[in-house]
Structures are given as C-alpha cells and as structure tokens.
Amino acid sequence: MFDHKSETRSSKRAQPPRDLVSELLLGMRLNGVHYKRIQMTPPFGIGFGAVEGRAQFHFVARGPVFLRTVGGVMQKLDTHDAMLLPRGGQHELLSALDLPSRDIVTYESIPLCKTVGAITACKGETCPSKDALIFSGCMEFDLGGMHPLVGLMPEVMHVGTLLGRQPEILPMLEAMQRETCMQRAGYAGILARLADVVSASIVRGWVECGCGDATGWVDALRDPRLSRVIAALHRDPGRDWTVAELAAEMGSSRSVFAERFLEVTGMTPVRYLTELRMQLAAQWIGREKMPIESVAHRLGYGSQAAFSRAFKRVIGRSPGAVRAATL
C-alpha cells in the first residue's frame, strides 16, 4: 500500500537524481482505454476483474466508498479521493466492507462518448444526494524503458499521499468532482483527460519520492554513479555501447562496473540494454506505428532480421505480430 508512512520512509532514502527521473518518465504512456461514470444507491458492491497489462483508476466524486483487493488492501475512500492500481488486479468497490460484489461487466452501460459509458443503479425512492458517484478508468500503462518499475509498484497508489508535495493536483480533483456531478456539455471527454493526468501524476510522485520501499532495480537509480549509466542508456539506446564506455560513465574499471551493475539490477549491462531497446521497440511499433525497419535502424541494429530475432526473444512475439495486434 502506498501510504503516508511509506512516503515518509522513502524520503529518508536516497532519491533518484531529478534529471534521471525526467529521462525515465519521458517514456511513460498512460492512456485510458475505457471509462465508466458510476452512480449507485447503497448498498452495493462492484467487482473489477484483472486485465493483463492494464491499470485501473478510480475517482470518488461522492463517497464514502470502500476498496477491497484480493491482496488484502481494505481502505475507505472519501469524496475527492483518487487511486491508481498500476497492475490492475481483481478488486471491489463497496458501500460497506461486509458486502458481496457484482462484476461490473454485468451492469448495463450507456455510451456517453467513444470511450466513456454511464452505469446507473439507483433507487427512485431515495435522495440522489445519497448515491455514490465514481469515475473509473481501465488504462493502458506503458513505461517504455521504465518497464521494470511496474512490478515494483505498490498494489494501490493513493493520491492523498501526494497532495502535500504536489498541491497542483487538488484543483484537478476538484474539477473532476464538478464534472462528474454537474454533467455539463462534453464532461465525459474532459473527465477522461483529467483521469489520465492525475494517474500520471501519481506515478511521477512515487518515482520522485524514491520509489517507496522498492529495492533491486530501483537501487540502480539511487546509486549516483550507476544512475549516470542508466540515464546514458535511456538517453541513447541505439548507440553501440561497450562495457568500457559504460564503465567510464560510472567512473570505474570494467570489472568493478560489470560486477556492481549485475549485483544491483540482476542482469548484465548487455542484457539490460537489449531489454530496454525491445521495450521501446514494442511501444514504437505498436502504439506509434513506426515502420519496423526504421525502429531496427534507430536502435542500432544493422539488419531487420537481427532486430526481429532479438525482439521475439525478449517480447515473446514477432514485431509483425505486435503491429498486427494494434491495427
């Protein structure tokens, strides 16, 4: 759980250099696939299933609502609360913690615009002001070269932990509350864009706080000398890097560098660079629709065949299959 205590502990740990944070976050893509405006009269329980490779965002425009996850997180969410589940996962939103839930896909959804639908399950005899109002989004979450961070993130990342450090988020939450409740012209599209921005701000805040209690790969970001190497690789992934050049970036001998890099990241520099390249390639080919030949050249491969072999070995699918899946 990403909470105030974990943020306080992380502030005592070494934080990644700001320029490295900026370099890594350049590859972040967090875009909503579909959203729901949900209005429910208590008692209710809504279940959300796991969708591989997708994050889940929730904003409570009128609460309270309770979150319950299969990982054991149970938390009360009040009005203006927002959260991101970076790996999605099965979870429930409930009007009380002792209630069962019903899968959200079984509710009728009325389209509001291309990506936003409305679910309304209200009792006519009750006052509408007693209904819970929630705006939820299933999101495509791609960190490009920062991909290892996804597995290290908390199950639930709560916006409340960031308001002290990022007060600019509060007006966005207030705007989301107004748009959800007032339903002005075009509100669905505006809500979707605000949800994307708030979610990205939650991720950025976690990285800037030193990535909480995460260890392993993150330790490379906290090491001032290794972080220079990581930043160089992310800045120029297509360069024909040698171990000697990377050791020079760190300011050490080749043997000391190679040993330290493997110890902290769990992989050799060559493997790290290859995986970084393929994660970027998957993003460029899939979402940005770049020609495969251009991607291979941009990442330093002399032939498309060599690039395709490396891509399939790391990603598990051919570049063409990734391209076809996004058409």
C-alpha atoms as a PDB file:
ATOM      1  CA  MET A   1       0.000   0.000   0.000  1.00  0.00           C
ATOM      2  CA  PHE A   2       1.331   3.435  -0.957  1.00  0.00           C
ATOM      3  CA  ASP A   3       0.619   5.443   2.173  1.00  0.00           C
ATOM      4  CA  HIS A   4       1.913   8.368   4.218  1.00  0.00           C
ATOM      5  CA  LYS A   5       4.219   6.142   6.268  1.00  0.00           C
ATOM      6  CA  SER A   6       5.870   4.612   3.208  1.00  0.00           C
ATOM      7  CA  GLU A   7       6.351   8.084   1.736  1.00  0.00           C
ATOM      8  CA  THR A   8       7.995   9.247   4.954  1.00  0.00           C
ATOM      9  CA  ARG A   9      10.311   6.227   4.980  1.00  0.00           C
ATOM     10  CA  SER A  10      11.203   6.750   1.335  1.00  0.00           C
ATOM     11  CA  SER A  11      12.100  10.393   1.974  1.00  0.00           C
ATOM     12  CA  LYS A  12      14.891   9.149   4.235  1.00  0.00           C
ATOM     13  CA  ARG A  13      16.327   7.027   1.447  1.00  0.00           C
ATOM     14  CA  ALA A  14      18.401   8.230  -1.469  1.00  0.00           C
ATOM     15  CA  GLN A  15      16.200   9.531  -4.249  1.00  0.00           C
ATOM     16  CA  PRO A  16      16.913   9.193  -7.969  1.00  0.00           C
ATOM     17  CA  PRO A  17      18.542  12.336  -9.414  1.00  0.00           C
ATOM     18  CA  ARG A  18      15.915  14.676 -10.863  1.00  0.00           C
ATOM     19  CA  ASP A  19      17.433  14.596 -14.343  1.00  0.00           C
ATOM     20  CA  LEU A  20      17.251  10.792 -14.334  1.00  0.00           C
ATOM     21  CA  VAL A  21      13.629  10.885 -13.178  1.00  0.00           C
ATOM     22  CA  SER A  22      12.805  13.203 -16.075  1.00  0.00           C
ATOM     23  CA  GLU A  23      14.694  10.978 -18.512  1.00  0.00           C
ATOM     24  CA  LEU A  24      12.829   7.867 -17.414  1.00  0.00           C
ATOM     25  CA  LEU A  25       9.392   9.473 -17.282  1.00  0.00           C
ATOM     26  CA  LEU A  26       9.723  10.609 -20.899  1.00  0.00           C
ATOM     27  CA  GLY A  27       8.795   7.062 -21.910  1.00  0.00           C
ATOM     28  CA  MET A  28       5.644   6.898 -19.789  1.00  0.00           C
ATOM     29  CA  ARG A  29       2.352   6.393 -21.627  1.00  0.00           C
ATOM     30  CA  LEU A  30      -0.788   6.128 -19.504  1.00  0.00           C
ATOM     31  CA  ASN A  31      -3.934   6.378 -21.590  1.00  0.00           C
ATOM     32  CA  GLY A  32      -7.476   5.349 -20.796  1.00  0.00           C
ATOM     33  CA  VAL A  33      -8.947   2.526 -22.857  1.00  0.00           C
ATOM     34  CA  HIS A  34     -12.445   2.872 -21.470  1.00  0.00           C
ATOM     35  CA  TYR A  35     -14.075   4.736 -18.592  1.00  0.00           C
ATOM     36  CA  LYS A  36     -17.264   4.474 -16.571  1.00  0.00           C
ATOM     37  CA  ARG A  37     -19.280   7.083 -14.704  1.00  0.00           C
ATOM     38  CA  ILE A  38     -20.922   5.022 -11.970  1.00  0.00           C
ATOM     39  CA  GLN A  39     -23.884   6.170  -9.871  1.00  0.00           C
ATOM     40  CA  MET A  40     -25.055   3.674  -7.236  1.00  0.00           C
ATOM     41  CA  THR A  41     -27.530   3.717  -4.372  1.00  0.00           C
ATOM     42  CA  PRO A  42     -26.180   1.872  -1.284  1.00  0.00           C
ATOM     43  CA  PRO A  43     -25.967  -0.954  -0.500  1.00  0.00           C
ATOM     44  CA  PHE A  44     -23.844  -2.019  -3.474  1.00  0.00           C
ATOM     45  CA  GLY A  45     -20.699  -3.889  -4.424  1.00  0.00           C
ATOM     46  CA  ILE A  46     -18.889  -3.629  -7.773  1.00  0.00           C
ATOM     47  CA  GLY A  47     -16.254  -6.158  -8.801  1.00  0.00           C
ATOM     48  CA  PHE A  48     -13.410  -5.414 -11.223  1.00  0.00           C
ATOM     49  CA  GLY A  49     -11.560  -8.277 -12.883  1.00  0.00           C
ATOM     50  CA  ALA A  50      -7.872  -8.439 -13.742  1.00  0.00           C
ATOM     51  CA  VAL A  51      -6.954  -7.358 -17.284  1.00  0.00           C
ATOM     52  CA  GLU A  52      -3.385  -8.247 -18.240  1.00  0.00           C
ATOM     53  CA  GLY A  53      -1.211  -5.226 -18.911  1.00  0.00           C
ATOM     54  CA  ARG A  54      -3.860  -2.736 -17.792  1.00  0.00           C
ATOM     55  CA  ALA A  55      -4.002  -0.384 -14.826  1.00  0.00           C
ATOM     56  CA  GLN A  56      -7.206   0.702 -13.078  1.00  0.00           C
ATOM     57  CA  PHE A  57      -8.025   4.227 -11.896  1.00  0.00           C
ATOM     58  CA  HIS A  58     -10.851   5.249  -9.549  1.00  0.00           C
ATOM     59  CA  PHE A  59     -12.021   8.719  -8.518  1.00  0.00           C
ATOM     60  CA  VAL A  60     -14.721   9.160  -5.866  1.00  0.00           C
ATOM     61  CA  ALA A  61     -16.831  12.217  -6.668  1.00  0.00           C
ATOM     62  CA  ARG A  62     -19.256  11.413  -3.846  1.00  0.00           C
ATOM     63  CA  GLY A  63     -18.432   8.943  -1.135  1.00  0.00           C
ATOM     64  CA  PRO A  64     -17.713   7.189   1.019  1.00  0.00           C
ATOM     65  CA  VAL A  65     -16.735   4.024  -0.862  1.00  0.00           C
ATOM     66  CA  PHE A  66     -14.608   1.121   0.356  1.00  0.00           C
ATOM     67  CA  LEU A  67     -11.859  -0.571  -1.634  1.00  0.00           C
ATOM     68  CA  ARG A  68     -11.167  -4.275  -1.094  1.00  0.00           C
ATOM     69  CA  THR A  69      -8.470  -6.120  -3.044  1.00  0.00           C
ATOM     70  CA  VAL A  70      -7.508  -9.791  -3.277  1.00  0.00           C
ATOM     71  CA  GLY A  71      -4.112  -8.723  -1.957  1.00  0.00           C
ATOM     72  CA  GLY A  72      -5.677  -7.763   1.367  1.00  0.00           C
ATOM     73  CA  VAL A  73      -5.929  -3.982   0.999  1.00  0.00           C
ATOM     74  CA  MET A  74      -9.058  -2.548   2.624  1.00  0.00           C
ATOM     75  CA  GLN A  75      -9.454   1.207   2.588  1.00  0.00           C
ATOM     76  CA  LYS A  76     -12.164   3.821   2.980  1.00  0.00           C
ATOM     77  CA  LEU A  77     -12.326   6.366   0.158  1.00  0.00           C
ATOM     78  CA  ASP A  78     -13.991   9.706   0.731  1.00  0.00           C
ATOM     79  CA  THR A  79     -15.121  12.415  -1.666  1.00  0.00           C
ATOM     80  CA  HIS A  80     -12.199  13.729  -3.799  1.00  0.00           C
ATOM     81  CA  ASP A  81     -10.161  10.544  -3.255  1.00  0.00           C
ATOM     82  CA  ALA A  82      -8.387   9.057  -6.273  1.00  0.00           C
ATOM     83  CA  MET A  83      -6.238   5.982  -6.653  1.00  0.00           C
ATOM     84  CA  LEU A  84      -4.319   4.007  -9.231  1.00  0.00           C
ATOM     85  CA  LEU A  85      -3.863   0.247  -9.243  1.00  0.00           C
ATOM     86  CA  PRO A  86      -0.847   0.063 -11.592  1.00  0.00           C
ATOM     87  CA  ARG A  87      -1.197  -3.659 -12.273  1.00  0.00           C
ATOM     88  CA  GLY A  88      -4.986  -3.684 -12.160  1.00  0.00           C
ATOM     89  CA  GLY A  89      -5.840  -6.953 -10.470  1.00  0.00           C
ATOM     90  CA  GLN A  90      -9.115  -8.154  -9.015  1.00  0.00           C
ATOM     91  CA  HIS A  91     -10.678  -5.709  -6.567  1.00  0.00           C
ATOM     92  CA  GLU A  92     -14.025  -4.352  -5.415  1.00  0.00           C
ATOM     93  CA  LEU A  93     -15.643  -1.013  -4.625  1.00  0.00           C
ATOM     94  CA  LEU A  94     -18.285  -1.375  -1.910  1.00  0.00           C
ATOM     95  CA  SER A  95     -20.658   0.770   0.106  1.00  0.00           C
ATOM     96  CA  ALA A  96     -19.716  -1.363   3.145  1.00  0.00           C
ATOM     97  CA  LEU A  97     -16.868  -3.826   3.631  1.00  0.00           C
ATOM     98  CA  ASP A  98     -19.107  -6.779   4.531  1.00  0.00           C
ATOM     99  CA  LEU A  99     -20.989  -6.762   1.222  1.00  0.00           C
ATOM    100  CA  PRO A 100     -20.618  -9.116  -1.763  1.00  0.00           C
ATOM    101  CA  SER A 101     -19.908  -7.662  -5.191  1.00  0.00           C
ATOM    102  CA  ARG A 102     -21.301  -7.969  -8.700  1.00  0.00           C
ATOM    103  CA  ASP A 103     -18.991  -7.909 -11.729  1.00  0.00           C
ATOM    104  CA  ILE A 104     -19.056  -4.514 -13.426  1.00  0.00           C
ATOM    105  CA  VAL A 105     -19.419  -6.100 -16.877  1.00  0.00           C
ATOM    106  CA  THR A 106     -22.899  -7.347 -15.886  1.00  0.00           C
ATOM    107  CA  TYR A 107     -24.237  -3.793 -15.475  1.00  0.00           C
ATOM    108  CA  GLU A 108     -25.812  -2.001 -18.425  1.00  0.00           C
ATOM    109  CA  SER A 109     -23.538   0.778 -19.686  1.00  0.00           C
ATOM    110  CA  ILE A 110     -24.974   3.683 -21.701  1.00  0.00           C
ATOM    111  CA  PRO A 111     -22.408   5.291 -24.068  1.00  0.00           C
ATOM    112  CA  LEU A 112     -21.637   8.937 -23.313  1.00  0.00           C
ATOM    113  CA  CYS A 113     -18.860   9.276 -25.892  1.00  0.00           C
ATOM    114  CA  LYS A 114     -16.413   6.984 -27.685  1.00  0.00           C
ATOM    115  CA  THR A 115     -14.547   5.816 -24.566  1.00  0.00           C
ATOM    116  CA  VAL A 116     -16.907   6.692 -21.702  1.00  0.00           C
ATOM    117  CA  GLY A 117     -20.063   4.896 -20.580  1.00  0.00           C
ATOM    118  CA  ALA A 118     -22.526   5.503 -17.750  1.00  0.00           C
ATOM    119  CA  ILE A 119     -23.726   2.893 -15.261  1.00  0.00           C
ATOM    120  CA  THR A 120     -26.694   3.896 -13.129  1.00  0.00           C
ATOM    121  CA  ALA A 121     -28.186   1.650 -10.453  1.00  0.00           C
ATOM    122  CA  CYS A 122     -30.286   3.943  -8.289  1.00  0.00           C
ATOM    123  CA  LYS A 123     -33.439   3.556  -6.225  1.00  0.00           C
ATOM    124  CA  GLY A 124     -36.057   6.123  -7.121  1.00  0.00           C
ATOM    125  CA  GLU A 125     -37.382   6.424  -3.587  1.00  0.00           C
ATOM    126  CA  THR A 126     -34.034   7.603  -2.198  1.00  0.00           C
ATOM    127  CA  CYS A 127     -32.484  11.051  -2.388  1.00  0.00           C
ATOM    128  CA  PRO A 128     -29.958  11.267  -5.277  1.00  0.00           C
ATOM    129  CA  SER A 129     -27.520  13.072  -2.985  1.00  0.00           C
ATOM    130  CA  LYS A 130     -27.156   9.794  -1.070  1.00  0.00           C
ATOM    131  CA  ASP A 131     -25.947   7.954  -4.176  1.00  0.00           C
ATOM    132  CA  ALA A 132     -22.251   7.215  -4.573  1.00  0.00           C
ATOM    133  CA  LEU A 133     -20.607   8.749  -7.656  1.00  0.00           C
ATOM    134  CA  ILE A 134     -17.452   7.152  -9.050  1.00  0.00           C
ATOM    135  CA  PHE A 135     -15.434   7.733 -12.206  1.00  0.00           C
ATOM    136  CA  SER A 136     -13.351   4.689 -13.159  1.00  0.00           C
ATOM    137  CA  GLY A 137     -10.915   4.057 -15.949  1.00  0.00           C
ATOM    138  CA  CYS A 138      -9.209   0.979 -17.342  1.00  0.00           C
ATOM    139  CA  MET A 139      -5.873   2.233 -18.618  1.00  0.00           C
ATOM    140  CA  GLU A 140      -3.108   1.157 -20.928  1.00  0.00           C
ATOM    141  CA  PHE A 141       0.012   1.603 -18.816  1.00  0.00           C
ATOM    142  CA  ASP A 142       3.318   1.568 -20.678  1.00  0.00           C
ATOM    143  CA  LEU A 143       6.528   2.791 -19.100  1.00  0.00           C
ATOM    144  CA  GLY A 144       8.739   2.023 -22.083  1.00  0.00           C
ATOM    145  CA  GLY A 145      12.280   1.837 -20.735  1.00  0.00           C
ATOM    146  CA  MET A 146      10.951   2.193 -17.199  1.00  0.00           C
ATOM    147  CA  HIS A 147       9.046  -1.091 -17.541  1.00  0.00           C
ATOM    148  CA  PRO A 148      10.765  -2.841 -14.561  1.00  0.00           C
ATOM    149  CA  LEU A 149       9.152  -0.302 -12.226  1.00  0.00           C
ATOM    150  CA  VAL A 150       5.627  -1.605 -12.822  1.00  0.00           C
ATOM    151  CA  GLY A 151       6.303  -4.845 -10.957  1.00  0.00           C
ATOM    152  CA  LEU A 152       7.852  -2.906  -8.052  1.00  0.00           C
ATOM    153  CA  MET A 153       4.976  -0.503  -7.539  1.00  0.00           C
ATOM    154  CA  PRO A 154       2.531  -0.891  -4.644  1.00  0.00           C
ATOM    155  CA  GLU A 155      -0.715  -2.701  -5.328  1.00  0.00           C
ATOM    156  CA  VAL A 156      -2.608   0.542  -4.668  1.00  0.00           C
ATOM    157  CA  MET A 157      -1.240   4.085  -5.107  1.00  0.00           C
ATOM    158  CA  HIS A 158      -3.326   6.740  -3.375  1.00  0.00           C
ATOM    159  CA  VAL A 159      -3.371  10.384  -4.445  1.00  0.00           C
ATOM    160  CA  GLY A 160      -3.757  11.617  -0.863  1.00  0.00           C
ATOM    161  CA  THR A 161      -0.101  10.906  -0.158  1.00  0.00           C
ATOM    162  CA  LEU A 162       0.954  13.401  -2.841  1.00  0.00           C
ATOM    163  CA  LEU A 163      -1.132  16.469  -2.018  1.00  0.00           C
ATOM    164  CA  GLY A 164       1.451  17.890   0.377  1.00  0.00           C
ATOM    165  CA  ARG A 165       4.198  17.707  -2.237  1.00  0.00           C
ATOM    166  CA  GLN A 166       2.055  18.324  -5.329  1.00  0.00           C
ATOM    167  CA  PRO A 167      -0.749  20.739  -4.322  1.00  0.00           C
ATOM    168  CA  GLU A 168      -1.455  21.364  -8.017  1.00  0.00           C
ATOM    169  CA  ILE A 169      -3.285  18.018  -8.090  1.00  0.00           C
ATOM    170  CA  LEU A 170      -6.063  19.312  -5.804  1.00  0.00           C
ATOM    171  CA  PRO A 171      -7.637  21.657  -8.402  1.00  0.00           C
ATOM    172  CA  MET A 172      -7.704  18.738 -10.860  1.00  0.00           C
ATOM    173  CA  LEU A 173      -9.530  16.577  -8.313  1.00  0.00           C
ATOM    174  CA  GLU A 174     -11.968  19.402  -7.624  1.00  0.00           C
ATOM    175  CA  ALA A 175     -12.552  19.773 -11.369  1.00  0.00           C
ATOM    176  CA  MET A 176     -13.206  16.032 -11.656  1.00  0.00           C
ATOM    177  CA  GLN A 177     -15.735  16.275  -8.824  1.00  0.00           C
ATOM    178  CA  ARG A 178     -17.575  19.151 -10.544  1.00  0.00           C
ATOM    179  CA  GLU A 179     -17.599  17.478 -13.947  1.00  0.00           C
ATOM    180  CA  THR A 180     -18.847  14.167 -12.530  1.00  0.00           C
ATOM    181  CA  CYS A 181     -21.654  15.765 -10.527  1.00  0.00           C
ATOM    182  CA  MET A 182     -22.797  18.552 -12.863  1.00  0.00           C
ATOM    183  CA  GLN A 183     -22.581  16.616 -16.175  1.00  0.00           C
ATOM    184  CA  ARG A 184     -22.059  19.716 -18.310  1.00  0.00           C
ATOM    185  CA  ALA A 185     -21.698  19.517 -22.090  1.00  0.00           C
ATOM    186  CA  GLY A 186     -18.620  17.486 -23.021  1.00  0.00           C
ATOM    187  CA  TYR A 187     -17.954  16.435 -19.434  1.00  0.00           C
ATOM    188  CA  ALA A 188     -17.200  12.796 -20.277  1.00  0.00           C
ATOM    189  CA  GLY A 189     -14.234  13.620 -22.503  1.00  0.00           C
ATOM    190  CA  ILE A 190     -12.903  16.195 -20.025  1.00  0.00           C
ATOM    191  CA  LEU A 191     -13.111  13.661 -17.200  1.00  0.00           C
ATOM    192  CA  ALA A 192     -11.192  11.094 -19.252  1.00  0.00           C
ATOM    193  CA  ARG A 193      -8.333  13.524 -19.890  1.00  0.00           C
ATOM    194  CA  LEU A 194      -8.206  14.617 -16.242  1.00  0.00           C
ATOM    195  CA  ALA A 195      -8.086  10.973 -15.139  1.00  0.00           C
ATOM    196  CA  ASP A 196      -5.074  10.376 -17.394  1.00  0.00           C
ATOM    197  CA  VAL A 197      -3.228  13.390 -15.972  1.00  0.00           C
ATOM    198  CA  VAL A 198      -3.979  12.565 -12.325  1.00  0.00           C
ATOM    199  CA  SER A 199      -2.862   8.957 -12.845  1.00  0.00           C
ATOM    200  CA  ALA A 200       0.404  10.062 -14.453  1.00  0.00           C
ATOM    201  CA  SER A 201       0.958  12.498 -11.557  1.00  0.00           C
ATOM    202  CA  ILE A 202       0.549   9.646  -9.061  1.00  0.00           C
ATOM    203  CA  VAL A 203       3.232   7.618 -10.850  1.00  0.00           C
ATOM    204  CA  ARG A 204       5.570  10.604 -11.092  1.00  0.00           C
ATOM    205  CA  GLY A 205       5.120  11.377  -7.397  1.00  0.00           C
ATOM    206  CA  TRP A 206       6.045   7.824  -6.436  1.00  0.00           C
ATOM    207  CA  VAL A 207       9.201   7.910  -8.568  1.00  0.00           C
ATOM    208  CA  GLU A 208      10.203  11.341  -7.245  1.00  0.00           C
ATOM    209  CA  CYS A 209       9.753  10.074  -3.677  1.00  0.00           C
ATOM    210  CA  GLY A 210      12.416   7.435  -4.325  1.00  0.00           C
ATOM    211  CA  CYS A 211      10.032   4.631  -5.371  1.00  0.00           C
ATOM    212  CA  GLY A 212       8.910   3.890  -1.822  1.00  0.00           C
ATOM    213  CA  ASP A 213      10.457   0.771  -0.318  1.00  0.00           C
ATOM    214  CA  ALA A 214      11.204  -0.859  -3.669  1.00  0.00           C
ATOM    215  CA  THR A 215      14.618  -2.472  -3.987  1.00  0.00           C
ATOM    216  CA  GLY A 216      16.507  -4.356  -6.674  1.00  0.00           C
ATOM    217  CA  TRP A 217      16.454  -2.458  -9.975  1.00  0.00           C
ATOM    218  CA  VAL A 218      15.454   0.752  -8.180  1.00  0.00           C
ATOM    219  CA  ASP A 219      18.721   0.659  -6.225  1.00  0.00           C
ATOM    220  CA  ALA A 220      20.485   1.433  -9.501  1.00  0.00           C
ATOM    221  CA  LEU A 221      18.506   4.663  -9.697  1.00  0.00           C
ATOM    222  CA  ARG A 222      19.503   5.609  -6.154  1.00  0.00           C
ATOM    223  CA  ASP A 223      23.216   4.963  -6.764  1.00  0.00           C
ATOM    224  CA  PRO A 224      24.651   8.291  -8.050  1.00  0.00           C
ATOM    225  CA  ARG A 225      27.295   6.602 -10.198  1.00  0.00           C
ATOM    226  CA  LEU A 226      25.103   3.829 -11.595  1.00  0.00           C
ATOM    227  CA  SER A 227      22.286   6.277 -12.263  1.00  0.00           C
ATOM    228  CA  ARG A 228      24.579   8.113 -14.689  1.00  0.00           C
ATOM    229  CA  VAL A 229      24.944   4.879 -16.640  1.00  0.00           C
ATOM    230  CA  ILE A 230      21.194   4.204 -16.616  1.00  0.00           C
ATOM    231  CA  ALA A 231      20.496   7.765 -17.799  1.00  0.00           C
ATOM    232  CA  ALA A 232      23.045   7.430 -20.616  1.00  0.00           C
ATOM    233  CA  LEU A 233      21.492   4.165 -21.825  1.00  0.00           C
ATOM    234  CA  HIS A 234      17.981   5.615 -21.802  1.00  0.00           C
ATOM    235  CA  ARG A 235      19.146   8.808 -23.494  1.00  0.00           C
ATOM    236  CA  ASP A 236      20.858   6.985 -26.378  1.00  0.00           C
ATOM    237  CA  PRO A 237      19.621   3.345 -26.558  1.00  0.00           C
ATOM    238  CA  GLY A 238      20.686   2.962 -30.190  1.00  0.00           C
ATOM    239  CA  ARG A 239      24.344   3.645 -29.568  1.00  0.00           C
ATOM    240  CA  ASP A 240      26.764   0.736 -29.889  1.00  0.00           C
ATOM    241  CA  TRP A 241      27.732   0.854 -26.229  1.00  0.00           C
ATOM    242  CA  THR A 242      30.735  -1.072 -24.959  1.00  0.00           C
ATOM    243  CA  VAL A 243      31.304  -2.167 -21.371  1.00  0.00           C
ATOM    244  CA  ALA A 244      34.377   0.071 -21.309  1.00  0.00           C
ATOM    245  CA  GLU A 245      32.297   3.134 -22.286  1.00  0.00           C
ATOM    246  CA  LEU A 246      29.664   2.380 -19.655  1.00  0.00           C
ATOM    247  CA  ALA A 247      32.356   1.849 -17.023  1.00  0.00           C
ATOM    248  CA  ALA A 248      33.747   5.260 -17.941  1.00  0.00           C
ATOM    249  CA  GLU A 249      30.292   6.785 -17.404  1.00  0.00           C
ATOM    250  CA  MET A 250      30.320   5.289 -13.908  1.00  0.00           C
ATOM    251  CA  GLY A 251      33.943   6.288 -13.347  1.00  0.00           C
ATOM    252  CA  SER A 252      35.248   2.818 -12.530  1.00  0.00           C
ATOM    253  CA  SER A 253      37.083  -0.120 -14.054  1.00  0.00           C
ATOM    254  CA  ARG A 254      35.244  -2.510 -16.366  1.00  0.00           C
ATOM    255  CA  SER A 255      35.308  -5.335 -13.825  1.00  0.00           C
ATOM    256  CA  VAL A 256      34.039  -3.202 -10.939  1.00  0.00           C
ATOM    257  CA  PHE A 257      31.316  -1.715 -13.122  1.00  0.00           C
ATOM    258  CA  ALA A 258      30.132  -5.062 -14.511  1.00  0.00           C
ATOM    259  CA  GLU A 259      30.034  -6.628 -11.045  1.00  0.00           C
ATOM    260  CA  ARG A 260      28.182  -3.685  -9.492  1.00  0.00           C
ATOM    261  CA  PHE A 261      25.675  -3.455 -12.353  1.00  0.00           C
ATOM    262  CA  LEU A 262      24.843  -7.156 -12.137  1.00  0.00           C
ATOM    263  CA  GLU A 263      24.584  -7.023  -8.346  1.00  0.00           C
ATOM    264  CA  VAL A 264      22.100  -4.138  -8.342  1.00  0.00           C
ATOM    265  CA  THR A 265      19.987  -4.752 -11.446  1.00  0.00           C
ATOM    266  CA  GLY A 266      20.136  -8.549 -11.572  1.00  0.00           C
ATOM    267  CA  MET A 267      21.275  -8.534 -15.195  1.00  0.00           C
ATOM    268  CA  THR A 268      24.342  -7.767 -17.254  1.00  0.00           C
ATOM    269  CA  PRO A 269      24.680  -4.358 -18.954  1.00  0.00           C
ATOM    270  CA  VAL A 270      24.257  -6.004 -22.365  1.00  0.00           C
ATOM    271  CA  ARG A 271      21.041  -7.725 -21.328  1.00  0.00           C
ATOM    272  CA  TYR A 272      19.704  -4.526 -19.749  1.00  0.00           C
ATOM    273  CA  LEU A 273      20.364  -2.596 -22.950  1.00  0.00           C
ATOM    274  CA  THR A 274      18.719  -5.290 -25.078  1.00  0.00           C
ATOM    275  CA  GLU A 275      15.586  -5.359 -22.905  1.00  0.00           C
ATOM    276  CA  LEU A 276      15.431  -1.567 -22.870  1.00  0.00           C
ATOM    277  CA  ARG A 277      15.634  -1.492 -26.657  1.00  0.00           C
ATOM    278  CA  MET A 278      12.905  -4.094 -27.087  1.00  0.00           C
ATOM    279  CA  GLN A 279      10.515  -2.397 -24.660  1.00  0.00           C
ATOM    280  CA  LEU A 280      10.967   0.843 -26.583  1.00  0.00           C
ATOM    281  CA  ALA A 281      10.597  -1.011 -29.885  1.00  0.00           C
ATOM    282  CA  ALA A 282       7.312  -2.567 -28.765  1.00  0.00           C
ATOM    283  CA  GLN A 283       5.994   0.902 -27.911  1.00  0.00           C
ATOM    284  CA  TRP A 284       7.166   2.463 -31.173  1.00  0.00           C
ATOM    285  CA  ILE A 285       5.871  -0.370 -33.371  1.00  0.00           C
ATOM    286  CA  GLY A 286       2.608  -0.966 -31.519  1.00  0.00           C
ATOM    287  CA  ARG A 287       1.339   2.412 -30.402  1.00  0.00           C
ATOM    288  CA  GLU A 288       3.300   4.836 -32.555  1.00  0.00           C
ATOM    289  CA  LYS A 289       3.072   2.699 -35.724  1.00  0.00           C
ATOM    290  CA  MET A 290       6.697   3.280 -36.736  1.00  0.00           C
ATOM    291  CA  PRO A 291       7.967   1.073 -39.592  1.00  0.00           C
ATOM    292  CA  ILE A 292       9.819  -1.977 -38.272  1.00  0.00           C
ATOM    293  CA  GLU A 293      12.853  -1.236 -40.429  1.00  0.00           C
ATOM    294  CA  SER A 294      13.065   2.308 -39.039  1.00  0.00           C
ATOM    295  CA  VAL A 295      12.841   1.032 -35.451  1.00  0.00           C
ATOM    296  CA  ALA A 296      15.610  -1.510 -36.082  1.00  0.00           C
ATOM    297  CA  HIS A 297      17.878   1.216 -37.507  1.00  0.00           C
ATOM    298  CA  ARG A 298      17.041   3.673 -34.701  1.00  0.00           C
ATOM    299  CA  LEU A 299      18.027   1.090 -32.088  1.00  0.00           C
ATOM    300  CA  GLY A 300      21.363   0.290 -33.683  1.00  0.00           C
ATOM    301  CA  TYR A 301      20.616  -2.971 -35.496  1.00  0.00           C
ATOM    302  CA  GLY A 302      22.383  -3.495 -38.815  1.00  0.00           C
ATOM    303  CA  SER A 303      19.646  -5.726 -40.196  1.00  0.00           C
ATOM    304  CA  GLN A 304      15.929  -6.131 -39.670  1.00  0.00           C
ATOM    305  CA  ALA A 305      16.411  -9.893 -39.284  1.00  0.00           C
ATOM    306  CA  ALA A 306      18.803  -9.474 -36.326  1.00  0.00           C
ATOM    307  CA  PHE A 307      16.419  -6.998 -34.734  1.00  0.00           C
ATOM    308  CA  SER A 308      13.427  -9.324 -35.213  1.00  0.00           C
ATOM    309  CA  ARG A 309      15.250 -12.232 -33.569  1.00  0.00           C
ATOM    310  CA  ALA A 310      16.155 -10.116 -30.543  1.00  0.00           C
ATOM    311  CA  PHE A 311      12.637  -8.689 -30.349  1.00  0.00           C
ATOM    312  CA  LYS A 312      10.948 -12.102 -30.346  1.00  0.00           C
ATOM    313  CA  ARG A 313      13.412 -13.437 -27.775  1.00  0.00           C
ATOM    314  CA  VAL A 314      12.615 -10.605 -25.332  1.00  0.00           C
ATOM    315  CA  ILE A 315       8.962  -9.772 -26.083  1.00  0.00           C
ATOM    316  CA  GLY A 316       7.821 -13.299 -26.970  1.00  0.00           C
ATOM    317  CA  ARG A 317       6.174 -12.217 -30.233  1.00  0.00           C
ATOM    318  CA  SER A 318       7.476 -11.032 -33.580  1.00  0.00           C
ATOM    319  CA  PRO A 319       7.452  -7.307 -34.429  1.00  0.00           C
ATOM    320  CA  GLY A 320       4.849  -8.042 -37.090  1.00  0.00           C
ATOM    321  CA  ALA A 321       2.560  -9.720 -34.551  1.00  0.00           C
ATOM    322  CA  VAL A 322       2.797  -6.704 -32.236  1.00  0.00           C
ATOM    323  CA  ARG A 323       1.990  -4.417 -35.154  1.00  0.00           C
ATOM    324  CA  ALA A 324      -0.985  -6.550 -36.228  1.00  0.00           C
ATOM    325  CA  ALA A 325      -2.425  -6.673 -32.695  1.00  0.00           C
ATOM    326  CA  THR A 326      -2.781  -2.877 -32.623  1.00  0.00           C
ATOM    327  CA  LEU A 327      -4.357  -2.420 -36.042  1.00  0.00           C
END
